[in-house]
Amino acid sequence: MDIVDAQIHLHHTLDEATALAVMDALTIRSALVDECWDFGEGRPAHAARPYYQLPTGEYRPVGPGAQIAAMRNPDRFSYLLRMNPLDPDLENWMSQAAATPGFRAVRYLLGGPADEQAVLDGGRRAFFAAATANGLPAFVASHAKAPFFERYLREFPSLPIVFDHCGFAVDDDAFDALLRLAQYPNAYLKWSHAPCLFGGGAFPYPEVRPYLDRAMSAFGRERIMWASDFTAEPMIQRMRGGPVVSWSEALYYMRCNPDLSETDLEWVLGKTVRTVLGWL
């Protein structure tokens, strides 16, 4: 089976060589990299390192290690960048990144109240317009506020918008609201951190299965992609409680799920993210 991990953080406790060795051991063929040296504690959501500051004071995330990994191993790694919606040269920067070998997507990390209001008011239209113009899927860390992005799903129907980490649904109401977005054909779901979010106990986390079943019913297997994001597990555990899930556990609780057919697994574990990224 062609398995693609839709999110790993190179250089946050994980280097390229180690990643390849573990991927080989777990039969993971490829991975999408969000390069991250830390998680930006005390800084804006888009300002986890590596980044540099512009003369305006805004942060511009970069991914030098991810770019090198993708260029050295184009069949094993692709990468995305966190894009600052307040970057004064956002459109040109996104266009330049899109022309870089191995670069396949952008990521929006929802910030505090001012950013939330700007998203609701349509003030982040330029971000999604630039992603559409450059043919770049947009991954969104919505922090339990996925419905805030509904207007962009409607306005940019050709743009795949992927809601990270099960929408960070903090309760059943937030999960229900996330599932309602499945009515839009360009809405996708990244299935990750579910054991922490949905009260999983021990591997293989049977408590998660009803939530995944509802997601599969709403989105369909063609619009759900699996990711481990395992290097962020300790941080998520501190935020939400629950287990710290290893890379192998994150993969094999999916592979061992009796509710998923072989065809379901082919899509969720690889084909969906390859199709969205055009990484075929």
Protein backbone atom coordinates (compact mmCIF):
# COMPACT_ATOMS: atom_id res chain seq x y z
CA MET A 1 0.00 0.00 0.00
CA ASP A 2 1.19 3.51 -0.86
CA ILE A 3 1.25 5.31 2.51
CA VAL A 4 1.78 9.07 2.74
CA ASP A 5 2.02 10.91 6.04
CA ALA A 6 0.28 14.25 5.49
CA GLN A 7 2.20 16.06 8.25
CA ILE A 8 5.56 15.66 9.90
CA HIS A 9 7.79 18.37 11.38
CA LEU A 10 11.38 17.95 10.26
CA HIS A 11 14.00 19.44 12.57
CA HIS A 12 11.75 19.47 15.61
CA THR A 13 13.40 16.43 17.28
CA LEU A 14 13.53 14.71 13.87
CA ASP A 15 16.17 14.98 11.15
CA GLU A 16 15.88 13.89 7.53
CA ALA A 17 17.97 10.71 7.84
CA THR A 18 16.07 9.50 10.91
CA ALA A 19 12.76 10.25 9.25
CA LEU A 20 13.70 8.15 6.23
CA ALA A 21 14.85 5.25 8.41
CA VAL A 22 11.62 5.21 10.41
CA MET A 23 9.48 5.67 7.30
CA ASP A 24 11.18 2.64 5.75
CA ALA A 25 10.56 0.60 8.90
CA LEU A 26 6.87 1.58 8.95
CA THR A 27 6.45 1.19 5.16
CA ILE A 28 5.58 4.88 4.80
CA ARG A 29 6.50 5.83 1.27
CA SER A 30 6.28 9.63 1.46
CA ALA A 31 5.65 12.52 3.83
CA LEU A 32 4.52 16.13 3.59
CA VAL A 33 6.83 18.31 5.68
CA ASP A 34 5.89 21.37 7.69
CA GLU A 35 9.38 22.37 8.79
CA CYS A 36 9.35 23.42 12.40
CA TRP A 37 12.16 23.99 14.88
CA ASP A 38 9.77 24.97 17.66
CA PHE A 39 6.07 25.80 17.95
CA GLY A 40 6.33 29.54 18.35
CA GLU A 41 5.43 29.81 22.02
CA GLY A 42 4.95 33.47 22.84
CA ARG A 43 4.95 34.52 19.17
CA PRO A 44 2.22 34.81 16.53
CA ALA A 45 0.84 31.53 15.18
CA HIS A 46 2.73 31.86 11.89
CA ALA A 47 6.03 32.63 13.62
CA ALA A 48 7.31 29.22 14.62
CA ARG A 49 10.92 29.00 13.47
CA PRO A 50 12.41 29.01 10.88
CA TYR A 51 11.39 32.50 9.85
CA TYR A 52 12.85 35.93 9.32
CA GLN A 53 11.45 39.33 10.09
CA LEU A 54 10.59 41.78 7.32
CA PRO A 55 11.29 45.52 7.61
CA THR A 56 7.61 45.97 8.50
CA GLY A 57 8.10 43.73 11.54
CA GLU A 58 6.01 40.87 10.14
CA TYR A 59 7.33 37.31 10.20
CA ARG A 60 7.93 35.34 6.99
CA PRO A 61 8.18 31.56 7.55
CA VAL A 62 10.72 29.66 5.44
CA GLY A 63 11.59 26.01 5.04
CA PRO A 64 15.23 25.53 4.05
CA GLY A 65 15.59 22.05 5.52
CA ALA A 66 12.32 20.84 4.03
CA GLN A 67 13.32 22.23 0.64
CA ILE A 68 16.64 20.39 0.75
CA ALA A 69 14.94 17.16 1.84
CA ALA A 70 12.43 17.43 -1.00
CA MET A 71 15.10 18.18 -3.59
CA ARG A 72 17.32 15.28 -2.43
CA ASN A 73 14.42 12.83 -2.10
CA PRO A 74 11.62 14.05 -4.38
CA ASP A 75 9.66 10.82 -4.14
CA ARG A 76 9.88 10.74 -0.33
CA PHE A 77 9.34 14.36 0.74
CA SER A 78 7.27 17.33 -0.35
CA TYR A 79 6.72 20.40 1.78
CA LEU A 80 4.41 23.28 2.55
CA LEU A 81 4.96 26.66 4.17
CA ARG A 82 3.06 28.51 6.84
CA MET A 83 2.13 31.78 5.17
CA ASN A 84 1.64 34.99 7.10
CA PRO A 85 -1.58 36.63 5.85
CA LEU A 86 -0.10 40.02 6.83
CA ASP A 87 3.03 39.58 4.71
CA PRO A 88 3.10 42.80 2.63
CA ASP A 89 4.30 40.84 -0.41
CA LEU A 90 2.12 37.78 0.14
CA GLU A 91 1.08 37.20 -3.46
CA ASN A 92 4.62 37.41 -4.86
CA TRP A 93 6.07 35.32 -2.03
CA MET A 94 3.47 32.61 -2.58
CA SER A 95 4.13 32.65 -6.32
CA GLN A 96 7.87 32.37 -5.74
CA ALA A 97 7.39 29.48 -3.33
CA ALA A 98 5.08 27.72 -5.78
CA ALA A 99 7.88 27.64 -8.35
CA THR A 100 10.25 25.85 -5.95
CA PRO A 101 10.82 22.10 -6.51
CA GLY A 102 8.95 20.00 -3.97
CA PHE A 103 6.69 22.82 -2.75
CA ARG A 104 3.02 21.81 -2.90
CA ALA A 105 0.79 23.69 -0.43
CA VAL A 106 0.34 26.58 1.96
CA ARG A 107 -0.84 26.57 5.56
CA TYR A 108 -2.94 29.08 7.47
CA LEU A 109 -2.70 29.05 11.28
CA LEU A 110 -5.58 30.90 12.87
CA GLY A 111 -4.33 33.46 15.36
CA GLY A 112 -6.02 35.39 18.15
CA PRO A 113 -9.25 37.43 18.26
CA ALA A 114 -8.16 40.02 15.70
CA ASP A 115 -7.25 37.33 13.17
CA GLU A 116 -10.47 35.45 13.89
CA GLN A 117 -12.50 38.58 13.20
CA ALA A 118 -10.58 39.27 10.00
CA VAL A 119 -11.29 35.73 8.79
CA LEU A 120 -14.99 36.13 9.56
CA ASP A 121 -15.15 39.53 7.85
CA GLY A 122 -13.55 38.26 4.64
CA GLY A 123 -10.30 40.06 5.40
CA ARG A 124 -8.21 37.04 4.49
CA ARG A 125 -9.53 36.78 0.96
CA ALA A 126 -6.13 37.68 -0.52
CA PHE A 127 -4.57 34.60 1.09
CA PHE A 128 -7.04 32.17 -0.47
CA ALA A 129 -7.11 34.06 -3.77
CA ALA A 130 -3.31 33.78 -4.03
CA ALA A 131 -3.43 30.08 -3.18
CA THR A 132 -6.05 29.55 -5.88
CA ALA A 133 -4.10 31.55 -8.45
CA ASN A 134 -0.98 29.46 -7.80
CA GLY A 135 -2.76 26.11 -7.68
CA LEU A 136 -1.75 25.53 -4.05
CA PRO A 137 -4.05 23.64 -1.68
CA ALA A 138 -4.59 25.48 1.61
CA PHE A 139 -4.21 23.63 4.91
CA VAL A 140 -5.97 25.39 7.78
CA ALA A 141 -5.28 25.02 11.50
CA SER A 142 -8.66 26.35 12.59
CA HIS A 143 -8.45 25.63 16.34
CA ALA A 144 -12.07 24.47 16.70
CA LYS A 145 -13.31 27.35 14.53
CA ALA A 146 -13.50 25.64 11.13
CA PRO A 147 -16.87 27.29 10.30
CA PHE A 148 -15.09 30.68 10.31
CA PHE A 149 -13.65 29.64 6.92
CA GLU A 150 -16.96 28.70 5.29
CA ARG A 151 -17.11 31.85 3.19
CA TYR A 152 -13.78 30.92 1.54
CA LEU A 153 -15.04 27.43 0.73
CA ARG A 154 -17.92 29.08 -1.09
CA GLU A 155 -15.91 31.81 -2.80
CA PHE A 156 -13.07 29.57 -3.99
CA PRO A 157 -14.76 26.31 -5.00
CA SER A 158 -11.75 25.07 -6.99
CA LEU A 159 -9.40 25.45 -4.00
CA PRO A 160 -8.95 22.39 -1.77
CA ILE A 161 -9.12 23.60 1.83
CA VAL A 162 -7.89 20.97 4.29
CA PHE A 163 -8.87 21.31 7.95
CA ASP A 164 -5.96 20.15 10.06
CA HIS A 165 -6.10 17.82 13.04
CA CYS A 166 -9.81 16.93 12.91
CA GLY A 167 -10.53 20.66 13.06
CA PHE A 168 -9.08 20.65 16.59
CA ALA A 169 -12.64 19.82 17.64
CA VAL A 170 -12.68 20.41 21.39
CA ASP A 171 -16.16 18.98 21.96
CA ASP A 172 -18.99 17.28 20.09
CA ASP A 173 -20.53 20.59 19.05
CA ALA A 174 -17.30 21.66 17.37
CA PHE A 175 -17.02 18.27 15.67
CA ASP A 176 -20.61 18.52 14.41
CA ALA A 177 -19.87 21.99 13.03
CA LEU A 178 -16.78 20.66 11.28
CA LEU A 179 -18.73 17.81 9.68
CA ARG A 180 -21.32 20.26 8.32
CA LEU A 181 -18.58 21.75 6.13
CA ALA A 182 -18.48 18.46 4.22
CA GLN A 183 -21.35 19.85 2.12
CA TYR A 184 -18.65 21.77 0.20
CA PRO A 185 -16.84 19.49 -2.28
CA ASN A 186 -13.57 21.39 -1.79
CA ALA A 187 -13.51 20.79 2.00
CA TYR A 188 -11.09 18.09 3.18
CA LEU A 189 -10.19 16.71 6.59
CA LYS A 190 -6.76 15.85 7.93
CA TRP A 191 -7.21 13.00 10.40
CA SER A 192 -4.61 13.45 13.12
CA HIS A 193 -4.39 13.71 16.94
CA ALA A 194 -7.76 11.95 17.23
CA PRO A 195 -6.81 9.88 20.33
CA CYS A 196 -6.06 13.08 22.27
CA LEU A 197 -9.03 14.99 20.90
CA PHE A 198 -11.62 12.26 21.31
CA GLY A 199 -10.60 10.69 24.58
CA GLY A 200 -8.61 7.70 23.43
CA GLY A 201 -7.20 5.49 26.16
CA ALA A 202 -4.72 2.85 25.04
CA PHE A 203 -3.76 1.58 21.59
CA PRO A 204 -5.66 0.88 19.32
CA TYR A 205 -7.88 3.66 20.72
CA PRO A 206 -11.33 2.15 20.09
CA GLU A 207 -12.93 5.33 21.47
CA VAL A 208 -11.90 7.09 18.26
CA ARG A 209 -13.70 4.75 15.89
CA PRO A 210 -17.21 6.32 16.15
CA TYR A 211 -15.77 9.74 15.33
CA LEU A 212 -13.88 8.44 12.33
CA ASP A 213 -16.99 6.62 11.16
CA ARG A 214 -18.97 9.86 11.26
CA ALA A 215 -16.22 11.69 9.40
CA MET A 216 -16.10 9.00 6.74
CA SER A 217 -19.87 9.23 6.33
CA ALA A 218 -19.72 13.01 5.96
CA PHE A 219 -16.60 13.56 3.85
CA GLY A 220 -16.10 10.18 2.22
CA ARG A 221 -12.77 8.42 2.01
CA GLU A 222 -11.71 10.55 -0.96
CA ARG A 223 -11.63 13.69 1.22
CA ILE A 224 -9.93 12.42 4.38
CA MET A 225 -6.15 12.16 4.71
CA TRP A 226 -4.18 10.62 7.54
CA ALA A 227 -1.29 12.37 9.26
CA SER A 228 0.77 11.39 12.27
CA ASP A 229 2.14 14.82 13.30
CA PHE A 230 3.78 12.71 15.97
CA THR A 231 6.46 15.22 16.96
CA ALA A 232 3.68 17.54 18.16
CA GLU A 233 2.04 14.84 20.26
CA PRO A 234 3.62 15.94 23.59
CA MET A 235 2.34 19.49 23.04
CA ILE A 236 -1.16 18.28 22.14
CA GLN A 237 -1.16 15.98 25.15
CA ARG A 238 -0.31 18.91 27.43
CA MET A 239 -3.18 20.88 25.92
CA ARG A 240 -5.80 18.14 25.81
CA GLY A 241 -4.67 15.26 27.99
CA GLY A 242 -4.91 11.69 26.73
CA PRO A 243 -2.17 9.49 25.34
CA VAL A 244 1.06 10.49 23.63
CA VAL A 245 0.84 8.57 20.37
CA SER A 246 4.00 7.30 18.68
CA TRP A 247 4.54 7.37 14.93
CA SER A 248 3.87 3.63 14.64
CA GLU A 249 0.78 3.80 16.88
CA ALA A 250 -0.60 6.71 14.85
CA LEU A 251 -0.36 4.59 11.71
CA TYR A 252 -1.36 1.19 13.00
CA TYR A 253 -4.47 2.18 14.92
CA MET A 254 -5.76 3.18 11.47
CA ARG A 255 -4.50 0.06 9.72
CA CYS A 256 -5.99 -2.12 12.48
CA ASN A 257 -9.39 -0.41 12.40
CA PRO A 258 -11.89 -3.13 11.40
CA ASP A 259 -14.36 -0.50 10.19
CA LEU A 260 -12.07 0.49 7.28
CA SER A 261 -11.93 -1.51 4.09
CA GLU A 262 -8.75 -1.94 2.09
CA THR A 263 -10.04 0.65 -0.38
CA ASP A 264 -10.83 3.05 2.47
CA LEU A 265 -7.27 2.67 3.71
CA GLU A 266 -5.78 3.19 0.26
CA TRP A 267 -7.49 6.58 0.07
CA VAL A 268 -7.13 7.76 3.66
CA LEU A 269 -3.52 6.62 4.06
CA GLY A 270 -2.22 7.94 0.78
CA LYS A 271 -4.37 8.50 -2.27
CA THR A 272 -6.32 11.48 -0.90
CA VAL A 273 -3.28 13.56 -0.03
CA ARG A 274 -1.50 12.63 -3.27
CA THR A 275 -4.55 13.71 -5.25
CA VAL A 276 -4.92 17.00 -3.38
CA LEU A 277 -1.22 17.82 -3.74
CA GLY A 278 -0.93 16.60 -7.33
CA TRP A 279 1.90 14.37 -6.06
CA LEU A 280 1.11 11.39 -8.24
